N, C-alpha and C. Protein backbone atom coordinates (compact mmCIF):
# COMPACT_ATOMS: atom_id res chain seq x y z
N MET A 1 -49.18 12.89 33.45
CA MET A 1 -50.45 13.08 32.80
C MET A 1 -51.52 12.32 33.59
N LYS A 2 -52.61 13.01 33.91
CA LYS A 2 -53.68 12.39 34.67
C LYS A 2 -54.50 11.48 33.77
N ARG A 3 -54.72 10.28 34.22
CA ARG A 3 -55.51 9.32 33.46
C ARG A 3 -56.98 9.54 33.78
N VAL A 4 -57.77 9.79 32.76
CA VAL A 4 -59.20 10.00 32.94
C VAL A 4 -59.90 8.66 32.90
N SER A 5 -60.77 8.44 33.87
CA SER A 5 -61.50 7.18 33.92
C SER A 5 -62.63 7.22 32.89
N ARG A 6 -62.50 6.37 31.88
CA ARG A 6 -63.54 6.31 30.84
C ARG A 6 -64.25 4.97 30.93
N ASP A 7 -65.52 5.05 30.66
CA ASP A 7 -66.30 3.84 30.63
C ASP A 7 -66.56 3.51 29.16
N ILE A 8 -67.49 2.64 28.90
CA ILE A 8 -67.80 2.22 27.54
C ILE A 8 -68.09 3.41 26.64
N LYS A 9 -67.57 3.38 25.43
CA LYS A 9 -67.80 4.40 24.41
C LYS A 9 -67.38 5.80 24.84
N GLY A 10 -66.40 5.91 25.72
CA GLY A 10 -65.80 7.20 26.02
C GLY A 10 -66.57 8.11 26.94
N VAL A 11 -67.57 7.63 27.65
CA VAL A 11 -68.30 8.49 28.58
C VAL A 11 -67.48 8.59 29.86
N ASP A 12 -67.08 9.79 30.22
CA ASP A 12 -66.25 9.99 31.41
C ASP A 12 -67.06 9.80 32.68
N VAL A 13 -66.58 8.92 33.55
CA VAL A 13 -67.23 8.69 34.84
C VAL A 13 -67.20 9.97 35.67
N GLU A 14 -66.10 10.72 35.57
CA GLU A 14 -65.98 11.98 36.33
C GLU A 14 -67.05 12.98 35.90
N VAL A 15 -67.36 13.01 34.61
CA VAL A 15 -68.40 13.92 34.11
C VAL A 15 -69.75 13.51 34.68
N ILE A 16 -70.03 12.23 34.69
CA ILE A 16 -71.30 11.75 35.23
C ILE A 16 -71.39 12.06 36.71
N GLU A 17 -70.29 11.91 37.45
CA GLU A 17 -70.30 12.21 38.88
C GLU A 17 -70.72 13.64 39.16
N THR A 18 -70.32 14.58 38.30
CA THR A 18 -70.69 15.99 38.51
C THR A 18 -72.15 16.24 38.22
N MET A 19 -72.82 15.30 37.58
CA MET A 19 -74.23 15.46 37.23
C MET A 19 -75.16 14.81 38.25
N ILE A 20 -74.61 14.21 39.27
CA ILE A 20 -75.42 13.56 40.29
C ILE A 20 -75.54 14.50 41.49
N TYR A 21 -76.77 14.79 41.86
CA TYR A 21 -77.06 15.69 42.98
C TYR A 21 -77.79 14.92 44.07
N ILE A 22 -77.78 15.47 45.28
CA ILE A 22 -78.55 14.87 46.36
C ILE A 22 -79.72 15.80 46.65
N LEU A 23 -80.92 15.32 46.41
CA LEU A 23 -82.15 16.06 46.67
C LEU A 23 -83.12 15.15 47.40
N ARG A 24 -83.75 15.70 48.40
CA ARG A 24 -84.71 14.93 49.20
C ARG A 24 -84.08 13.64 49.72
N GLY A 25 -82.79 13.69 50.00
CA GLY A 25 -82.08 12.54 50.55
C GLY A 25 -81.78 11.45 49.55
N GLN A 26 -81.94 11.73 48.26
CA GLN A 26 -81.68 10.73 47.23
C GLN A 26 -80.69 11.27 46.21
N LYS A 27 -79.90 10.37 45.63
CA LYS A 27 -79.02 10.75 44.53
C LYS A 27 -79.87 10.79 43.26
N VAL A 28 -79.82 11.94 42.57
CA VAL A 28 -80.66 12.13 41.38
C VAL A 28 -79.86 12.77 40.25
N MET A 29 -80.42 12.65 39.03
CA MET A 29 -79.85 13.30 37.86
C MET A 29 -80.95 14.10 37.17
N LEU A 30 -80.58 15.28 36.67
CA LEU A 30 -81.53 16.15 35.97
C LEU A 30 -81.89 15.59 34.60
N ASP A 31 -83.13 15.83 34.19
CA ASP A 31 -83.57 15.41 32.87
C ASP A 31 -82.70 15.98 31.75
N SER A 32 -82.29 17.24 31.88
CA SER A 32 -81.47 17.87 30.84
C SER A 32 -80.07 17.24 30.75
N ASP A 33 -79.50 16.87 31.89
CA ASP A 33 -78.19 16.21 31.89
C ASP A 33 -78.29 14.83 31.25
N LEU A 34 -79.34 14.10 31.60
CA LEU A 34 -79.53 12.77 31.01
C LEU A 34 -79.75 12.88 29.51
N ALA A 35 -80.56 13.85 29.10
CA ALA A 35 -80.82 14.03 27.66
C ALA A 35 -79.52 14.32 26.92
N MET A 36 -78.67 15.16 27.51
CA MET A 36 -77.39 15.48 26.88
C MET A 36 -76.53 14.22 26.75
N LEU A 37 -76.48 13.42 27.81
CA LEU A 37 -75.68 12.18 27.75
C LEU A 37 -76.23 11.21 26.71
N TYR A 38 -77.56 11.11 26.63
CA TYR A 38 -78.19 10.20 25.68
C TYR A 38 -78.17 10.73 24.25
N GLY A 39 -77.85 12.03 24.10
CA GLY A 39 -77.80 12.61 22.76
C GLY A 39 -79.17 12.92 22.19
N VAL A 40 -80.13 13.26 23.06
CA VAL A 40 -81.47 13.64 22.61
C VAL A 40 -81.84 14.98 23.27
N GLU A 41 -82.87 15.62 22.75
CA GLU A 41 -83.36 16.84 23.38
C GLU A 41 -84.10 16.47 24.66
N THR A 42 -84.11 17.39 25.62
CA THR A 42 -84.80 17.14 26.89
C THR A 42 -86.27 16.83 26.65
N LYS A 43 -86.91 17.58 25.75
CA LYS A 43 -88.34 17.36 25.51
C LYS A 43 -88.60 15.96 24.93
N VAL A 44 -87.66 15.44 24.15
CA VAL A 44 -87.81 14.08 23.60
C VAL A 44 -87.72 13.05 24.72
N LEU A 45 -86.78 13.25 25.65
CA LEU A 45 -86.64 12.36 26.80
C LEU A 45 -87.94 12.37 27.62
N ILE A 46 -88.45 13.56 27.92
CA ILE A 46 -89.67 13.68 28.73
C ILE A 46 -90.87 13.08 28.00
N GLN A 47 -90.96 13.28 26.69
CA GLN A 47 -92.06 12.68 25.93
C GLN A 47 -92.02 11.16 26.01
N SER A 48 -90.82 10.59 25.91
CA SER A 48 -90.68 9.13 26.02
C SER A 48 -91.12 8.65 27.40
N VAL A 49 -90.77 9.40 28.42
CA VAL A 49 -91.17 9.04 29.78
C VAL A 49 -92.68 9.13 29.92
N LYS A 50 -93.28 10.20 29.39
CA LYS A 50 -94.74 10.37 29.50
C LYS A 50 -95.50 9.25 28.78
N ARG A 51 -94.95 8.76 27.67
CA ARG A 51 -95.59 7.64 26.95
C ARG A 51 -95.50 6.34 27.75
N ASN A 52 -94.57 6.29 28.72
CA ASN A 52 -94.36 5.09 29.54
C ASN A 52 -94.45 5.44 31.02
N ILE A 53 -95.35 6.33 31.38
CA ILE A 53 -95.40 6.89 32.72
C ILE A 53 -95.61 5.83 33.81
N ASP A 54 -96.24 4.72 33.48
CA ASP A 54 -96.46 3.66 34.47
C ASP A 54 -95.14 3.06 34.97
N ARG A 55 -94.08 3.21 34.22
CA ARG A 55 -92.77 2.68 34.61
C ARG A 55 -92.02 3.60 35.57
N PHE A 56 -92.57 4.80 35.84
CA PHE A 56 -91.86 5.80 36.62
C PHE A 56 -92.68 6.31 37.81
N PRO A 57 -92.76 5.50 38.87
CA PRO A 57 -93.43 5.98 40.09
C PRO A 57 -92.61 7.10 40.73
N GLU A 58 -93.17 7.72 41.76
CA GLU A 58 -92.53 8.88 42.40
C GLU A 58 -91.15 8.59 42.97
N ASP A 59 -90.88 7.34 43.34
CA ASP A 59 -89.54 7.05 43.87
C ASP A 59 -88.53 6.81 42.75
N PHE A 60 -88.95 6.86 41.48
CA PHE A 60 -88.06 6.74 40.34
C PHE A 60 -87.80 8.10 39.70
N MET A 61 -88.77 9.01 39.80
CA MET A 61 -88.64 10.32 39.20
C MET A 61 -89.61 11.27 39.88
N PHE A 62 -89.21 12.54 39.97
CA PHE A 62 -90.12 13.54 40.53
C PHE A 62 -89.80 14.91 39.97
N LEU A 63 -90.80 15.79 40.04
CA LEU A 63 -90.67 17.16 39.57
C LEU A 63 -90.09 18.00 40.70
N LEU A 64 -89.11 18.83 40.38
CA LEU A 64 -88.52 19.69 41.39
C LEU A 64 -89.50 20.79 41.79
N THR A 65 -89.39 21.24 43.02
CA THR A 65 -90.15 22.41 43.45
C THR A 65 -89.39 23.66 42.97
N GLU A 66 -90.06 24.79 43.00
CA GLU A 66 -89.42 26.05 42.60
C GLU A 66 -88.19 26.32 43.47
N LYS A 67 -88.31 26.06 44.78
CA LYS A 67 -87.20 26.30 45.72
C LYS A 67 -86.01 25.39 45.39
N GLU A 68 -86.26 24.10 45.15
CA GLU A 68 -85.18 23.17 44.81
C GLU A 68 -84.49 23.59 43.51
N PHE A 69 -85.30 24.05 42.55
CA PHE A 69 -84.73 24.46 41.27
C PHE A 69 -83.86 25.70 41.43
N LYS A 70 -84.27 26.63 42.27
CA LYS A 70 -83.45 27.84 42.51
C LYS A 70 -82.12 27.46 43.13
N ILE A 71 -82.13 26.51 44.06
CA ILE A 71 -80.89 26.05 44.68
C ILE A 71 -79.97 25.43 43.63
N LEU A 72 -80.53 24.57 42.78
CA LEU A 72 -79.72 23.95 41.73
C LEU A 72 -79.25 24.97 40.70
N ARG A 73 -80.14 25.89 40.34
CA ARG A 73 -79.80 26.87 39.31
C ARG A 73 -78.62 27.74 39.75
N SER A 74 -78.50 27.96 41.04
CA SER A 74 -77.37 28.76 41.53
C SER A 74 -76.05 28.04 41.31
N GLN A 75 -76.10 26.75 41.02
CA GLN A 75 -74.88 25.96 40.82
C GLN A 75 -74.42 25.95 39.36
N PHE A 76 -75.32 26.28 38.45
CA PHE A 76 -74.90 26.30 37.05
C PHE A 76 -75.51 27.50 36.36
N VAL A 77 -74.82 27.94 35.33
CA VAL A 77 -75.22 29.17 34.65
C VAL A 77 -76.27 28.85 33.60
N THR A 78 -77.34 29.65 33.59
CA THR A 78 -78.34 29.52 32.54
C THR A 78 -78.31 30.78 31.72
N SER A 79 -78.63 30.67 30.46
CA SER A 79 -78.57 31.83 29.58
C SER A 79 -79.67 32.82 29.93
N SER A 80 -79.38 34.11 29.70
CA SER A 80 -80.37 35.15 30.02
C SER A 80 -81.46 35.22 28.95
N TRP A 81 -81.19 34.72 27.74
CA TRP A 81 -82.15 34.83 26.66
C TRP A 81 -83.02 33.58 26.51
N GLY A 82 -82.64 32.52 27.17
CA GLY A 82 -83.39 31.28 27.00
C GLY A 82 -83.65 30.64 28.33
N GLY A 83 -83.31 29.38 28.44
CA GLY A 83 -83.50 28.67 29.70
C GLY A 83 -84.74 27.79 29.66
N ARG A 84 -85.10 27.28 30.81
CA ARG A 84 -86.20 26.34 30.91
C ARG A 84 -87.52 27.07 31.09
N ARG A 85 -88.56 26.50 30.53
CA ARG A 85 -89.91 27.04 30.74
C ARG A 85 -90.65 26.26 31.81
N ASN A 86 -90.21 25.02 32.03
CA ASN A 86 -90.84 24.15 33.02
C ASN A 86 -89.83 23.77 34.08
N LEU A 87 -90.35 23.39 35.24
CA LEU A 87 -89.46 22.88 36.29
C LEU A 87 -88.87 21.55 35.82
N PRO A 88 -87.61 21.29 36.16
CA PRO A 88 -86.99 20.05 35.72
C PRO A 88 -87.55 18.82 36.44
N VAL A 89 -87.42 17.72 35.76
CA VAL A 89 -87.72 16.42 36.33
C VAL A 89 -86.38 15.80 36.69
N VAL A 90 -86.30 15.15 37.84
CA VAL A 90 -85.08 14.44 38.21
C VAL A 90 -85.38 12.96 38.33
N PHE A 91 -84.36 12.16 38.05
CA PHE A 91 -84.49 10.71 38.06
C PHE A 91 -83.57 10.14 39.12
N THR A 92 -84.10 9.23 39.94
CA THR A 92 -83.28 8.52 40.91
C THR A 92 -82.51 7.43 40.17
N GLU A 93 -81.68 6.72 40.89
CA GLU A 93 -80.92 5.63 40.27
C GLU A 93 -81.86 4.61 39.61
N GLN A 94 -82.95 4.29 40.28
CA GLN A 94 -83.91 3.33 39.71
C GLN A 94 -84.58 3.92 38.47
N GLY A 95 -84.84 5.22 38.48
CA GLY A 95 -85.44 5.87 37.33
C GLY A 95 -84.51 5.87 36.13
N VAL A 96 -83.23 6.10 36.38
CA VAL A 96 -82.24 6.06 35.29
C VAL A 96 -82.18 4.64 34.72
N ALA A 97 -82.22 3.65 35.59
CA ALA A 97 -82.21 2.26 35.11
C ALA A 97 -83.45 1.98 34.27
N MET A 98 -84.59 2.52 34.68
CA MET A 98 -85.82 2.31 33.92
C MET A 98 -85.76 3.01 32.56
N LEU A 99 -85.03 4.12 32.47
CA LEU A 99 -84.89 4.80 31.18
C LEU A 99 -84.31 3.87 30.12
N SER A 100 -83.45 2.96 30.55
CA SER A 100 -82.84 2.04 29.57
C SER A 100 -83.89 1.15 28.91
N SER A 101 -85.03 0.97 29.56
CA SER A 101 -86.08 0.13 28.96
C SER A 101 -86.92 0.88 27.94
N ILE A 102 -86.85 2.22 27.95
CA ILE A 102 -87.65 2.97 26.96
C ILE A 102 -86.79 3.66 25.91
N LEU A 103 -85.49 3.80 26.18
CA LEU A 103 -84.57 4.38 25.20
C LEU A 103 -83.70 3.25 24.66
N ASN A 104 -83.90 2.88 23.42
CA ASN A 104 -83.29 1.66 22.91
C ASN A 104 -82.11 1.85 21.96
N SER A 105 -81.51 3.02 21.92
CA SER A 105 -80.37 3.21 21.03
C SER A 105 -79.12 2.59 21.66
N LYS A 106 -78.13 2.33 20.81
CA LYS A 106 -76.85 1.80 21.32
C LYS A 106 -76.22 2.80 22.29
N ARG A 107 -76.29 4.08 21.94
CA ARG A 107 -75.73 5.12 22.81
C ARG A 107 -76.39 5.09 24.18
N ALA A 108 -77.73 4.96 24.20
CA ALA A 108 -78.46 4.92 25.48
C ALA A 108 -78.01 3.74 26.33
N ILE A 109 -77.78 2.62 25.70
CA ILE A 109 -77.32 1.44 26.43
C ILE A 109 -75.95 1.70 27.06
N HIS A 110 -75.02 2.24 26.27
CA HIS A 110 -73.66 2.51 26.77
C HIS A 110 -73.66 3.57 27.86
N VAL A 111 -74.47 4.62 27.66
CA VAL A 111 -74.55 5.68 28.67
C VAL A 111 -75.13 5.12 29.96
N ASN A 112 -76.18 4.30 29.83
CA ASN A 112 -76.80 3.73 31.03
C ASN A 112 -75.82 2.85 31.82
N ILE A 113 -75.03 2.09 31.13
CA ILE A 113 -74.02 1.26 31.81
C ILE A 113 -73.06 2.16 32.57
N SER A 114 -72.60 3.24 31.94
CA SER A 114 -71.69 4.17 32.60
C SER A 114 -72.32 4.80 33.83
N ILE A 115 -73.59 5.21 33.70
CA ILE A 115 -74.28 5.84 34.82
C ILE A 115 -74.45 4.86 35.98
N MET A 116 -74.84 3.64 35.69
CA MET A 116 -75.03 2.63 36.74
C MET A 116 -73.70 2.36 37.45
N ARG A 117 -72.61 2.29 36.69
CA ARG A 117 -71.29 2.09 37.31
C ARG A 117 -70.91 3.28 38.19
N THR A 118 -71.28 4.48 37.77
CA THR A 118 -70.98 5.67 38.56
C THR A 118 -71.76 5.66 39.87
N PHE A 119 -73.06 5.33 39.81
CA PHE A 119 -73.86 5.23 41.03
C PHE A 119 -73.27 4.19 41.97
N THR A 120 -72.83 3.07 41.44
CA THR A 120 -72.22 2.01 42.26
C THR A 120 -70.94 2.52 42.90
N LYS A 121 -70.11 3.22 42.14
CA LYS A 121 -68.86 3.78 42.67
C LYS A 121 -69.14 4.75 43.81
N ILE A 122 -70.12 5.60 43.65
CA ILE A 122 -70.48 6.57 44.70
C ILE A 122 -70.98 5.84 45.93
N ARG A 123 -71.82 4.83 45.74
CA ARG A 123 -72.33 4.05 46.87
C ARG A 123 -71.19 3.37 47.63
N GLN A 124 -70.21 2.82 46.92
CA GLN A 124 -69.06 2.19 47.56
C GLN A 124 -68.23 3.20 48.33
N MET A 125 -68.03 4.39 47.76
CA MET A 125 -67.26 5.42 48.45
C MET A 125 -67.98 5.87 49.72
N MET A 126 -69.29 6.03 49.65
CA MET A 126 -70.05 6.45 50.82
C MET A 126 -70.01 5.38 51.90
N SER A 127 -70.08 4.12 51.50
CA SER A 127 -70.02 3.02 52.45
C SER A 127 -68.67 2.99 53.15
N THR A 128 -67.60 3.18 52.40
CA THR A 128 -66.25 3.19 52.97
C THR A 128 -66.11 4.31 53.99
N HIS A 129 -66.61 5.49 53.66
CA HIS A 129 -66.54 6.63 54.58
C HIS A 129 -67.37 6.37 55.84
N LYS A 130 -68.51 5.72 55.67
CA LYS A 130 -69.36 5.43 56.81
C LYS A 130 -68.66 4.47 57.78
N GLU A 131 -68.04 3.43 57.23
CA GLU A 131 -67.32 2.46 58.06
C GLU A 131 -66.15 3.14 58.79
N LEU A 132 -65.43 3.98 58.08
CA LEU A 132 -64.30 4.68 58.68
C LEU A 132 -64.77 5.62 59.79
N ARG A 133 -65.88 6.33 59.55
CA ARG A 133 -66.42 7.23 60.56
C ARG A 133 -66.84 6.46 61.80
N GLN A 134 -67.45 5.28 61.62
CA GLN A 134 -67.85 4.45 62.77
C GLN A 134 -66.64 4.01 63.58
N LYS A 135 -65.56 3.62 62.91
CA LYS A 135 -64.34 3.21 63.62
C LYS A 135 -63.75 4.37 64.41
N ILE A 136 -63.76 5.55 63.80
CA ILE A 136 -63.24 6.73 64.50
C ILE A 136 -64.08 7.05 65.73
N GLU A 137 -65.40 6.92 65.61
CA GLU A 137 -66.28 7.19 66.75
C GLU A 137 -66.03 6.20 67.88
N GLU A 138 -65.76 4.93 67.53
CA GLU A 138 -65.45 3.93 68.55
C GLU A 138 -64.15 4.28 69.27
N LEU A 139 -63.14 4.69 68.49
CA LEU A 139 -61.87 5.10 69.10
C LEU A 139 -62.06 6.34 69.98
N GLU A 140 -62.91 7.24 69.54
CA GLU A 140 -63.16 8.46 70.30
C GLU A 140 -63.75 8.13 71.67
N LYS A 141 -64.66 7.19 71.71
CA LYS A 141 -65.26 6.79 72.99
C LYS A 141 -64.21 6.21 73.93
N LYS A 142 -63.27 5.47 73.34
CA LYS A 142 -62.25 4.80 74.13
C LYS A 142 -61.15 5.76 74.60
N TYR A 143 -60.74 6.69 73.73
CA TYR A 143 -59.60 7.56 74.05
C TYR A 143 -59.96 9.05 74.01
N ASP A 144 -61.17 9.38 74.33
CA ASP A 144 -61.67 10.74 74.15
C ASP A 144 -60.80 11.82 74.78
N LYS A 145 -60.42 11.69 76.02
CA LYS A 145 -59.69 12.75 76.72
C LYS A 145 -58.29 12.93 76.16
N GLN A 146 -57.63 11.86 75.77
CA GLN A 146 -56.26 11.94 75.31
C GLN A 146 -56.14 12.54 73.90
N PHE A 147 -57.11 12.28 73.05
CA PHE A 147 -57.01 12.69 71.65
C PHE A 147 -58.15 13.61 71.21
N HIS A 148 -58.61 14.44 72.10
CA HIS A 148 -59.75 15.32 71.81
C HIS A 148 -59.52 16.18 70.56
N VAL A 149 -58.35 16.76 70.41
CA VAL A 149 -58.04 17.64 69.28
C VAL A 149 -58.05 16.85 67.97
N VAL A 150 -57.48 15.66 68.00
CA VAL A 150 -57.44 14.82 66.80
C VAL A 150 -58.86 14.45 66.37
N PHE A 151 -59.70 14.04 67.32
CA PHE A 151 -61.06 13.64 66.98
C PHE A 151 -61.89 14.83 66.50
N ALA A 152 -61.66 16.00 67.03
CA ALA A 152 -62.37 17.19 66.58
C ALA A 152 -62.03 17.48 65.11
N ALA A 153 -60.75 17.35 64.76
CA ALA A 153 -60.33 17.57 63.37
C ALA A 153 -60.92 16.52 62.44
N LEU A 154 -60.93 15.27 62.87
CA LEU A 154 -61.50 14.20 62.04
C LEU A 154 -63.00 14.38 61.83
N LYS A 155 -63.72 14.87 62.85
CA LYS A 155 -65.15 15.11 62.70
C LYS A 155 -65.42 16.15 61.63
N LYS A 156 -64.59 17.18 61.59
CA LYS A 156 -64.76 18.22 60.57
C LYS A 156 -64.60 17.64 59.17
N ILE A 157 -63.72 16.66 59.03
CA ILE A 157 -63.48 16.05 57.73
C ILE A 157 -64.66 15.16 57.32
N PHE A 158 -65.21 14.39 58.26
CA PHE A 158 -66.21 13.39 57.90
C PHE A 158 -67.65 13.83 58.04
N VAL A 159 -67.93 14.97 58.62
CA VAL A 159 -69.31 15.43 58.72
C VAL A 159 -69.67 16.10 57.41
N PRO A 160 -70.62 15.54 56.69
CA PRO A 160 -70.98 16.12 55.39
C PRO A 160 -71.68 17.46 55.56
N GLU A 161 -71.33 18.40 54.69
CA GLU A 161 -71.99 19.69 54.71
C GLU A 161 -73.26 19.61 53.88
N ASP A 162 -74.24 20.44 54.19
CA ASP A 162 -75.50 20.45 53.46
C ASP A 162 -75.47 21.40 52.27
N LYS A 163 -74.27 21.87 51.91
CA LYS A 163 -74.16 22.77 50.77
C LYS A 163 -74.39 21.99 49.49
N PRO A 164 -75.11 22.59 48.53
CA PRO A 164 -75.30 21.91 47.24
C PRO A 164 -73.97 21.78 46.51
N LYS A 165 -73.85 20.70 45.73
CA LYS A 165 -72.63 20.44 44.99
C LYS A 165 -72.52 21.44 43.85
N LEU A 166 -71.38 22.11 43.73
CA LEU A 166 -71.16 23.07 42.66
C LEU A 166 -70.77 22.34 41.39
N LYS A 167 -71.33 22.80 40.30
CA LYS A 167 -71.00 22.25 39.00
C LYS A 167 -69.94 23.15 38.39
N ILE A 168 -68.78 22.58 38.06
CA ILE A 168 -67.66 23.36 37.57
C ILE A 168 -67.52 23.16 36.08
N GLY A 169 -67.20 24.25 35.36
CA GLY A 169 -66.96 24.14 33.93
C GLY A 169 -68.20 24.46 33.13
N PHE A 170 -68.22 24.00 31.91
CA PHE A 170 -69.36 24.25 31.05
C PHE A 170 -69.73 22.96 30.35
N SER A 171 -70.93 22.96 29.81
CA SER A 171 -71.36 21.77 29.06
C SER A 171 -71.78 22.21 27.67
N GLN A 172 -71.59 21.34 26.73
CA GLN A 172 -71.98 21.63 25.36
C GLN A 172 -73.44 21.26 25.17
N LYS A 173 -74.10 22.03 24.36
CA LYS A 173 -75.52 21.75 24.07
C LYS A 173 -75.64 20.96 22.82
């Protein structure tokens, strides 16, 4: 039986990981995903942010462009009868941390802790891969001719693709 990594109050770290996207070179989360985790409607989350807009500069949150939204929308299914009327707002790690200062429920506190731990886990994984890639590149310089095939295969593994992350499964509203 696979053990699911749970954080405080049963929020699955794996679920949060699927909600983190890379846009404009930053790890971000959609307003609708955050609202679902916090147990509020998206419009309530956005209203709270608008009442405290000074806490959210552009490097904490930004509005997606139509093109960015189309790329993300291709990753998850939206209903044909409903859907969003406005472009989504995304929050960077700092923006998510700032949300904890305006959303004061116990659930918001627990969810925020889980999200911060997930961002930290992702940062650690990326750092580990970066260090490993650097070591492989050093070895490649030293033994390039002898192990060309091996290094070519390793490059394919460690070179990140620019494809958007697919969201698998469904979410409850």
